[in-house]
């Protein structure tokens, strides 16, 4: 199971839309993410998506001078997906994502410059918000990480 730290870095390095796609079609998306060689750097961490998963370097450690401080393997991500993804989520996410793709691509005539209208942009934003709402519970620690076991006091 993914822990708080692992969920934190997954949601920092992928959008909820991207994580929703990962949850809906892990076989396809894992290959695409690993092939993209996506990487990023900021002041408190660095990351790279690799064939074996997400590698994270904390603090001043960097990919070129140290081993990752954290490795979130694709196997672990797949186990998380298997536990929390339902057929209903997959159907709803894919249907909404298809609508989002169609709205984003719109219809263009060859050689013509076209911008989305305000109504189209609002529709795209609504679909994006729905995709995020669908994906959030799968990657939210509050809904996917069991609380700490409570210590029972036998003498209370």
N, C-alpha and C. Protein backbone atom coordinates (compact mmCIF):
# COMPACT_ATOMS: atom_id res chain seq x y z
N UNK A 1 0.83 -1.19 0.00
CA UNK A 1 0.00 0.00 0.00
C UNK A 1 0.87 1.25 0.00
N UNK A 2 0.37 2.27 -0.67
CA UNK A 2 1.09 3.54 -0.68
C UNK A 2 0.86 4.26 0.64
N UNK A 3 1.90 4.92 1.13
CA UNK A 3 1.77 5.66 2.37
C UNK A 3 1.59 7.16 2.08
N UNK A 4 1.50 7.96 3.13
CA UNK A 4 1.29 9.41 2.97
C UNK A 4 2.37 10.05 2.11
N UNK A 5 3.61 9.72 2.38
CA UNK A 5 4.73 10.33 1.64
C UNK A 5 4.66 9.96 0.17
N UNK A 6 4.41 8.72 -0.12
CA UNK A 6 4.35 8.27 -1.52
C UNK A 6 3.18 8.93 -2.25
N UNK A 7 2.03 9.01 -1.61
CA UNK A 7 0.88 9.69 -2.23
C UNK A 7 1.19 11.17 -2.44
N UNK A 8 1.89 11.77 -1.48
CA UNK A 8 2.27 13.18 -1.61
C UNK A 8 3.09 13.41 -2.88
N UNK A 9 4.11 12.60 -3.10
CA UNK A 9 4.97 12.81 -4.26
C UNK A 9 4.29 12.41 -5.57
N UNK A 10 3.43 11.43 -5.55
CA UNK A 10 2.68 11.11 -6.77
C UNK A 10 1.79 12.27 -7.18
N UNK A 11 1.10 12.88 -6.20
CA UNK A 11 0.21 13.98 -6.53
C UNK A 11 0.96 15.28 -6.81
N UNK A 12 2.21 15.39 -6.35
CA UNK A 12 3.02 16.56 -6.67
C UNK A 12 3.60 16.47 -8.08
N UNK A 13 3.81 15.25 -8.56
CA UNK A 13 4.50 15.08 -9.84
C UNK A 13 3.56 14.72 -10.99
N UNK A 14 2.31 14.43 -10.69
CA UNK A 14 1.30 14.13 -11.71
C UNK A 14 0.02 14.89 -11.36
N UNK A 15 -0.70 15.35 -12.36
CA UNK A 15 -1.99 15.98 -12.11
C UNK A 15 -3.01 14.92 -11.71
N UNK A 16 -4.09 15.34 -11.09
CA UNK A 16 -5.15 14.38 -10.76
C UNK A 16 -5.75 13.79 -12.03
N UNK A 17 -5.79 14.57 -13.09
CA UNK A 17 -6.27 14.05 -14.37
C UNK A 17 -5.34 12.92 -14.83
N UNK A 18 -4.04 13.15 -14.77
CA UNK A 18 -3.07 12.13 -15.16
C UNK A 18 -3.13 10.91 -14.25
N UNK A 19 -3.31 11.14 -12.95
CA UNK A 19 -3.43 10.02 -12.02
C UNK A 19 -4.73 9.25 -12.24
N UNK A 20 -5.78 9.96 -12.64
CA UNK A 20 -7.03 9.29 -12.97
C UNK A 20 -6.85 8.38 -14.18
N UNK A 21 -6.15 8.88 -15.18
CA UNK A 21 -5.86 8.04 -16.35
C UNK A 21 -5.02 6.83 -15.95
N UNK A 22 -4.07 7.05 -15.06
CA UNK A 22 -3.24 5.95 -14.56
C UNK A 22 -4.11 4.90 -13.86
N UNK A 23 -5.05 5.36 -13.06
CA UNK A 23 -5.93 4.44 -12.35
C UNK A 23 -6.88 3.70 -13.29
N UNK A 24 -7.35 4.39 -14.33
CA UNK A 24 -8.31 3.80 -15.26
C UNK A 24 -7.67 2.82 -16.23
N UNK A 25 -6.42 3.10 -16.63
CA UNK A 25 -5.73 2.24 -17.60
C UNK A 25 -4.26 2.11 -17.22
N UNK A 26 -3.96 1.40 -16.13
CA UNK A 26 -2.58 1.34 -15.66
C UNK A 26 -1.60 0.73 -16.65
N UNK A 27 -2.00 -0.30 -17.38
CA UNK A 27 -1.06 -0.92 -18.32
C UNK A 27 -0.58 0.07 -19.37
N UNK A 28 -1.50 0.81 -19.93
CA UNK A 28 -1.16 1.79 -20.96
C UNK A 28 -0.41 2.97 -20.38
N UNK A 29 -0.92 3.51 -19.27
CA UNK A 29 -0.35 4.74 -18.71
C UNK A 29 1.03 4.53 -18.11
N UNK A 30 1.27 3.40 -17.47
CA UNK A 30 2.60 3.17 -16.89
C UNK A 30 3.65 3.16 -18.00
N UNK A 31 3.35 2.50 -19.09
CA UNK A 31 4.28 2.49 -20.23
C UNK A 31 4.50 3.90 -20.75
N UNK A 32 3.43 4.67 -20.88
CA UNK A 32 3.55 6.04 -21.41
C UNK A 32 4.33 6.94 -20.47
N UNK A 33 4.06 6.84 -19.17
CA UNK A 33 4.77 7.68 -18.20
C UNK A 33 6.25 7.31 -18.15
N UNK A 34 6.55 6.02 -18.12
CA UNK A 34 7.95 5.58 -18.07
C UNK A 34 8.68 6.00 -19.35
N UNK A 35 8.01 5.91 -20.49
CA UNK A 35 8.65 6.27 -21.76
C UNK A 35 8.85 7.77 -21.89
N UNK A 36 8.06 8.56 -21.18
CA UNK A 36 8.16 10.02 -21.30
C UNK A 36 9.42 10.57 -20.65
N UNK A 37 10.04 9.80 -19.78
CA UNK A 37 11.22 10.26 -19.04
C UNK A 37 10.94 11.57 -18.33
N UNK A 38 9.74 11.71 -17.81
CA UNK A 38 9.34 12.92 -17.10
C UNK A 38 10.21 13.09 -15.86
N UNK A 39 10.67 14.32 -15.65
CA UNK A 39 11.52 14.63 -14.50
C UNK A 39 11.28 16.07 -14.09
N UNK A 40 11.64 16.39 -12.87
CA UNK A 40 11.49 17.76 -12.40
C UNK A 40 12.37 18.03 -11.20
N UNK A 41 12.64 19.29 -10.99
CA UNK A 41 13.51 19.72 -9.90
C UNK A 41 12.90 20.95 -9.24
N UNK A 42 12.96 21.00 -7.94
CA UNK A 42 12.61 22.22 -7.21
C UNK A 42 13.51 22.29 -5.98
N UNK A 43 13.31 23.25 -5.15
CA UNK A 43 14.25 23.47 -4.05
C UNK A 43 14.28 22.35 -3.02
N UNK A 44 13.16 21.63 -2.81
CA UNK A 44 13.19 20.61 -1.75
C UNK A 44 13.14 19.17 -2.24
N UNK A 45 12.94 18.94 -3.53
CA UNK A 45 12.99 17.58 -4.06
C UNK A 45 13.19 17.59 -5.57
N UNK A 46 13.62 16.44 -6.07
CA UNK A 46 13.76 16.20 -7.50
C UNK A 46 13.09 14.86 -7.77
N UNK A 47 12.65 14.66 -9.00
CA UNK A 47 12.02 13.37 -9.31
C UNK A 47 12.27 12.98 -10.76
N UNK A 48 12.18 11.69 -10.99
CA UNK A 48 12.23 11.14 -12.35
C UNK A 48 11.32 9.94 -12.40
N UNK A 49 10.49 9.88 -13.44
CA UNK A 49 9.72 8.67 -13.71
C UNK A 49 10.59 7.76 -14.54
N UNK A 50 10.73 6.53 -14.08
CA UNK A 50 11.59 5.56 -14.75
C UNK A 50 10.84 4.26 -14.98
N UNK A 51 11.49 3.32 -15.61
CA UNK A 51 10.86 2.03 -15.92
C UNK A 51 10.43 1.28 -14.66
N UNK A 52 11.12 1.52 -13.54
CA UNK A 52 10.79 0.80 -12.31
C UNK A 52 9.86 1.59 -11.39
N UNK A 53 9.56 2.85 -11.71
CA UNK A 53 8.66 3.64 -10.89
C UNK A 53 9.10 5.08 -10.78
N UNK A 54 8.62 5.75 -9.74
CA UNK A 54 8.96 7.15 -9.48
C UNK A 54 10.11 7.20 -8.48
N UNK A 55 11.23 7.80 -8.92
CA UNK A 55 12.38 8.00 -8.04
C UNK A 55 12.34 9.44 -7.54
N UNK A 56 12.55 9.62 -6.23
CA UNK A 56 12.51 10.94 -5.62
C UNK A 56 13.79 11.16 -4.82
N UNK A 57 14.38 12.34 -5.02
CA UNK A 57 15.56 12.75 -4.27
C UNK A 57 15.15 13.93 -3.41
N UNK A 58 15.48 13.89 -2.13
CA UNK A 58 15.08 14.92 -1.19
C UNK A 58 16.24 15.85 -0.88
N UNK A 59 15.92 17.07 -0.53
CA UNK A 59 16.94 18.04 -0.16
C UNK A 59 17.86 18.35 -1.32
N UNK A 60 19.16 18.32 -1.08
CA UNK A 60 20.13 18.67 -2.12
C UNK A 60 20.60 17.46 -2.93
N UNK A 61 20.13 16.28 -2.59
CA UNK A 61 20.46 15.10 -3.39
C UNK A 61 19.85 15.26 -4.77
N UNK A 62 20.57 14.83 -5.79
CA UNK A 62 20.09 14.94 -7.16
C UNK A 62 20.38 13.64 -7.91
N UNK A 63 19.65 13.39 -9.00
CA UNK A 63 19.82 12.14 -9.75
C UNK A 63 21.25 11.90 -10.22
N UNK A 64 21.98 12.94 -10.48
CA UNK A 64 23.33 12.77 -11.03
C UNK A 64 24.38 12.54 -9.95
N UNK A 65 24.01 12.69 -8.65
CA UNK A 65 25.04 12.49 -7.63
C UNK A 65 24.64 11.56 -6.49
N UNK A 66 23.47 10.91 -6.59
CA UNK A 66 23.09 9.99 -5.51
C UNK A 66 21.95 9.08 -5.96
N UNK A 67 21.80 8.01 -5.21
CA UNK A 67 20.67 7.10 -5.43
C UNK A 67 19.41 7.79 -4.90
N UNK A 68 18.25 7.41 -5.38
CA UNK A 68 17.02 8.06 -4.90
C UNK A 68 16.79 7.80 -3.41
N UNK A 69 16.25 8.80 -2.74
CA UNK A 69 15.88 8.65 -1.33
C UNK A 69 14.58 7.86 -1.19
N UNK A 70 13.77 7.87 -2.23
CA UNK A 70 12.48 7.20 -2.22
C UNK A 70 12.21 6.63 -3.61
N UNK A 71 11.80 5.39 -3.66
CA UNK A 71 11.39 4.77 -4.92
C UNK A 71 9.98 4.24 -4.74
N UNK A 72 9.06 4.75 -5.55
CA UNK A 72 7.68 4.27 -5.55
C UNK A 72 7.55 3.38 -6.77
N UNK A 73 7.56 2.09 -6.55
CA UNK A 73 7.58 1.15 -7.68
C UNK A 73 6.21 1.08 -8.35
N UNK A 74 6.25 0.71 -9.62
CA UNK A 74 5.00 0.53 -10.36
C UNK A 74 4.19 -0.61 -9.75
N UNK A 75 4.84 -1.60 -9.20
CA UNK A 75 4.14 -2.70 -8.55
C UNK A 75 3.30 -2.18 -7.38
N UNK A 76 3.89 -1.31 -6.60
CA UNK A 76 3.18 -0.74 -5.46
C UNK A 76 2.01 0.13 -5.94
N UNK A 77 2.22 0.88 -7.00
CA UNK A 77 1.15 1.71 -7.57
C UNK A 77 0.02 0.81 -8.08
N UNK A 78 0.38 -0.28 -8.76
CA UNK A 78 -0.63 -1.22 -9.26
C UNK A 78 -1.46 -1.83 -8.12
N UNK A 79 -0.80 -2.18 -7.01
CA UNK A 79 -1.51 -2.74 -5.86
C UNK A 79 -2.50 -1.71 -5.30
N UNK A 80 -2.07 -0.47 -5.23
CA UNK A 80 -2.94 0.61 -4.76
C UNK A 80 -4.16 0.75 -5.68
N UNK A 81 -3.91 0.76 -6.97
CA UNK A 81 -4.99 0.88 -7.95
C UNK A 81 -5.96 -0.30 -7.82
N UNK A 82 -5.42 -1.49 -7.72
CA UNK A 82 -6.26 -2.69 -7.62
C UNK A 82 -7.17 -2.64 -6.39
N UNK A 83 -6.67 -2.04 -5.33
CA UNK A 83 -7.46 -1.98 -4.10
C UNK A 83 -8.56 -0.93 -4.15
N UNK A 84 -8.31 0.21 -4.80
CA UNK A 84 -9.24 1.33 -4.70
C UNK A 84 -10.03 1.65 -5.96
N UNK A 85 -9.67 1.09 -7.09
CA UNK A 85 -10.38 1.41 -8.33
C UNK A 85 -11.50 0.40 -8.55
N UNK A 86 -12.66 0.94 -8.90
CA UNK A 86 -13.82 0.12 -9.19
C UNK A 86 -14.15 0.20 -10.68
N UNK A 87 -14.95 -0.75 -11.14
CA UNK A 87 -15.41 -0.72 -12.53
C UNK A 87 -16.23 0.54 -12.79
N UNK A 88 -16.99 0.98 -11.79
CA UNK A 88 -17.80 2.20 -11.94
C UNK A 88 -16.90 3.41 -12.16
N UNK A 89 -15.80 3.49 -11.39
CA UNK A 89 -14.85 4.59 -11.59
C UNK A 89 -14.29 4.55 -13.00
N UNK A 90 -13.84 3.39 -13.44
CA UNK A 90 -13.22 3.27 -14.76
C UNK A 90 -14.20 3.72 -15.84
N UNK A 91 -15.44 3.26 -15.78
CA UNK A 91 -16.43 3.64 -16.79
C UNK A 91 -16.70 5.14 -16.77
N UNK A 92 -16.92 5.69 -15.58
CA UNK A 92 -17.21 7.13 -15.47
C UNK A 92 -16.01 7.97 -15.90
N UNK A 93 -14.80 7.56 -15.49
CA UNK A 93 -13.61 8.35 -15.84
C UNK A 93 -13.37 8.31 -17.34
N UNK A 94 -13.43 7.13 -17.93
CA UNK A 94 -13.18 7.02 -19.37
C UNK A 94 -14.20 7.81 -20.18
N UNK A 95 -15.46 7.74 -19.79
CA UNK A 95 -16.51 8.48 -20.50
C UNK A 95 -16.26 9.99 -20.42
N UNK A 96 -15.94 10.48 -19.22
CA UNK A 96 -15.69 11.90 -19.02
C UNK A 96 -14.40 12.32 -19.72
N UNK A 97 -13.37 11.48 -19.67
CA UNK A 97 -12.10 11.81 -20.32
C UNK A 97 -12.28 11.87 -21.84
N UNK A 98 -13.11 11.00 -22.39
CA UNK A 98 -13.39 11.04 -23.83
C UNK A 98 -14.07 12.36 -24.20
N UNK A 99 -15.02 12.79 -23.39
CA UNK A 99 -15.70 14.06 -23.63
C UNK A 99 -14.69 15.22 -23.53
N UNK A 100 -13.79 15.14 -22.54
CA UNK A 100 -12.78 16.18 -22.37
C UNK A 100 -11.88 16.25 -23.60
N UNK A 101 -11.44 15.09 -24.10
CA UNK A 101 -10.58 15.04 -25.29
C UNK A 101 -11.30 15.63 -26.50
N UNK A 102 -12.55 15.28 -26.67
CA UNK A 102 -13.32 15.81 -27.80
C UNK A 102 -13.50 17.32 -27.67
N UNK A 103 -13.78 17.80 -26.47
CA UNK A 103 -13.95 19.24 -26.26
C UNK A 103 -12.64 19.99 -26.48
N UNK A 104 -11.53 19.40 -26.01
CA UNK A 104 -10.22 20.04 -26.19
C UNK A 104 -9.82 20.12 -27.65
N UNK A 105 -10.10 19.06 -28.40
CA UNK A 105 -9.65 19.04 -29.80
C UNK A 105 -10.55 19.88 -30.70
N UNK A 106 -11.81 19.99 -30.37
CA UNK A 106 -12.78 20.79 -31.15
C UNK A 106 -12.70 20.42 -32.63
N UNK A 107 -13.26 21.24 -33.46
CA UNK A 107 -13.18 21.00 -34.90
C UNK A 107 -12.43 22.16 -35.53
N UNK A 108 -11.44 21.81 -36.29
CA UNK A 108 -10.60 22.80 -36.95
C UNK A 108 -10.63 22.56 -38.45
N UNK A 109 -10.57 23.63 -39.17
CA UNK A 109 -10.43 23.52 -40.63
C UNK A 109 -8.96 23.69 -40.96
N UNK A 110 -8.52 22.91 -41.92
CA UNK A 110 -7.10 22.96 -42.31
C UNK A 110 -6.71 24.39 -42.69
N UNK A 111 -5.60 24.81 -42.13
CA UNK A 111 -5.06 26.13 -42.45
C UNK A 111 -5.75 27.28 -41.74
N UNK A 112 -6.70 27.00 -40.91
CA UNK A 112 -7.43 28.05 -40.20
C UNK A 112 -7.01 28.09 -38.73
N UNK A 113 -6.77 29.28 -38.23
CA UNK A 113 -6.48 29.45 -36.81
C UNK A 113 -7.81 29.52 -36.08
N UNK A 114 -7.94 28.77 -35.03
CA UNK A 114 -9.18 28.75 -34.28
C UNK A 114 -8.89 28.72 -32.79
N UNK A 115 -9.61 29.52 -32.06
CA UNK A 115 -9.52 29.52 -30.61
C UNK A 115 -10.82 28.98 -30.04
N UNK A 116 -10.72 28.41 -28.85
CA UNK A 116 -11.93 27.96 -28.17
C UNK A 116 -12.75 29.18 -27.75
N UNK A 117 -14.06 29.06 -27.85
CA UNK A 117 -14.93 30.13 -27.38
C UNK A 117 -14.96 30.10 -25.86
N UNK A 118 -15.49 31.14 -25.26
CA UNK A 118 -15.61 31.17 -23.80
C UNK A 118 -16.48 30.02 -23.31
N UNK A 119 -17.55 29.71 -24.03
CA UNK A 119 -18.43 28.61 -23.65
C UNK A 119 -17.68 27.27 -23.73
N UNK A 120 -16.88 27.09 -24.77
CA UNK A 120 -16.08 25.86 -24.90
C UNK A 120 -15.06 25.75 -23.78
N UNK A 121 -14.40 26.85 -23.46
CA UNK A 121 -13.43 26.85 -22.37
C UNK A 121 -14.10 26.53 -21.03
N UNK A 122 -15.30 27.05 -20.81
CA UNK A 122 -16.03 26.74 -19.58
C UNK A 122 -16.41 25.27 -19.54
N UNK A 123 -16.81 24.71 -20.67
CA UNK A 123 -17.16 23.29 -20.74
C UNK A 123 -15.92 22.42 -20.47
N UNK A 124 -14.80 22.78 -21.05
CA UNK A 124 -13.54 22.05 -20.81
C UNK A 124 -13.17 22.12 -19.34
N UNK A 125 -13.30 23.29 -18.73
CA UNK A 125 -12.98 23.45 -17.30
C UNK A 125 -13.91 22.61 -16.44
N UNK A 126 -15.19 22.56 -16.80
CA UNK A 126 -16.14 21.73 -16.04
C UNK A 126 -15.77 20.25 -16.12
N UNK A 127 -15.41 19.80 -17.33
CA UNK A 127 -15.01 18.40 -17.50
C UNK A 127 -13.73 18.09 -16.72
N UNK A 128 -12.77 19.02 -16.75
CA UNK A 128 -11.52 18.83 -16.00
C UNK A 128 -11.80 18.75 -14.50
N UNK A 129 -12.69 19.61 -14.02
CA UNK A 129 -13.06 19.57 -12.60
C UNK A 129 -13.72 18.23 -12.24
N UNK A 130 -14.56 17.73 -13.12
CA UNK A 130 -15.21 16.43 -12.88
C UNK A 130 -14.19 15.30 -12.86
N UNK A 131 -13.22 15.35 -13.78
CA UNK A 131 -12.16 14.33 -13.81
C UNK A 131 -11.37 14.34 -12.50
N UNK A 132 -11.06 15.53 -12.01
CA UNK A 132 -10.33 15.64 -10.74
C UNK A 132 -11.15 15.10 -9.58
N UNK A 133 -12.45 15.40 -9.58
CA UNK A 133 -13.33 14.89 -8.52
C UNK A 133 -13.41 13.37 -8.55
N UNK A 134 -13.45 12.80 -9.75
CA UNK A 134 -13.50 11.35 -9.87
C UNK A 134 -12.20 10.70 -9.37
N UNK A 135 -11.06 11.30 -9.71
CA UNK A 135 -9.76 10.70 -9.39
C UNK A 135 -9.32 10.95 -7.95
N UNK A 136 -9.72 12.05 -7.36
CA UNK A 136 -9.21 12.45 -6.05
C UNK A 136 -9.32 11.37 -4.97
N UNK A 137 -10.47 10.70 -4.82
CA UNK A 137 -10.57 9.71 -3.72
C UNK A 137 -9.57 8.55 -3.83
N UNK A 138 -9.13 8.24 -5.03
CA UNK A 138 -8.19 7.14 -5.22
C UNK A 138 -6.80 7.51 -4.72
N UNK A 139 -6.46 8.79 -4.78
CA UNK A 139 -5.11 9.24 -4.44
C UNK A 139 -5.07 10.10 -3.18
N UNK A 140 -6.17 10.20 -2.48
CA UNK A 140 -6.27 11.01 -1.27
C UNK A 140 -5.94 10.16 -0.05
N UNK A 141 -4.94 10.57 0.74
CA UNK A 141 -4.58 9.78 1.93
C UNK A 141 -5.75 9.57 2.89
N UNK A 142 -6.63 10.54 3.02
CA UNK A 142 -7.74 10.41 3.97
C UNK A 142 -8.69 9.28 3.58
N UNK A 143 -8.78 8.95 2.30
CA UNK A 143 -9.69 7.90 1.87
C UNK A 143 -8.99 6.59 1.53
N UNK A 144 -7.66 6.59 1.50
CA UNK A 144 -6.96 5.37 1.10
C UNK A 144 -5.99 4.82 2.13
N UNK A 145 -5.73 5.57 3.16
CA UNK A 145 -4.79 5.07 4.18
C UNK A 145 -5.58 4.84 5.45
N UNK A 146 -5.51 3.63 5.93
CA UNK A 146 -6.21 3.30 7.17
C UNK A 146 -5.62 4.09 8.31
N UNK A 147 -6.47 4.47 9.24
CA UNK A 147 -5.99 5.20 10.40
C UNK A 147 -5.07 4.34 11.24
N UNK A 148 -4.30 4.99 12.07
CA UNK A 148 -3.41 4.25 12.97
C UNK A 148 -4.25 3.39 13.91
N UNK A 149 -3.83 2.16 14.15
CA UNK A 149 -4.59 1.33 15.09
C UNK A 149 -4.59 1.96 16.47
N UNK A 150 -5.73 1.88 17.13
CA UNK A 150 -5.82 2.47 18.46
C UNK A 150 -5.41 1.44 19.51
N UNK A 151 -4.74 1.94 20.53
CA UNK A 151 -4.35 1.09 21.65
C UNK A 151 -5.52 1.02 22.61
N UNK A 152 -5.98 -0.17 22.86
CA UNK A 152 -7.08 -0.33 23.80
C UNK A 152 -6.54 -0.44 25.22
N UNK A 153 -7.20 0.23 26.12
CA UNK A 153 -6.81 0.19 27.52
C UNK A 153 -7.70 -0.82 28.22
N UNK A 154 -7.14 -1.96 28.60
CA UNK A 154 -7.91 -3.01 29.23
C UNK A 154 -8.38 -2.65 30.63
N UNK A 155 -7.77 -1.64 31.22
CA UNK A 155 -8.09 -1.31 32.60
C UNK A 155 -8.94 -0.06 32.72
N UNK A 156 -9.46 0.43 31.61
CA UNK A 156 -10.26 1.66 31.65
C UNK A 156 -11.67 1.39 32.09
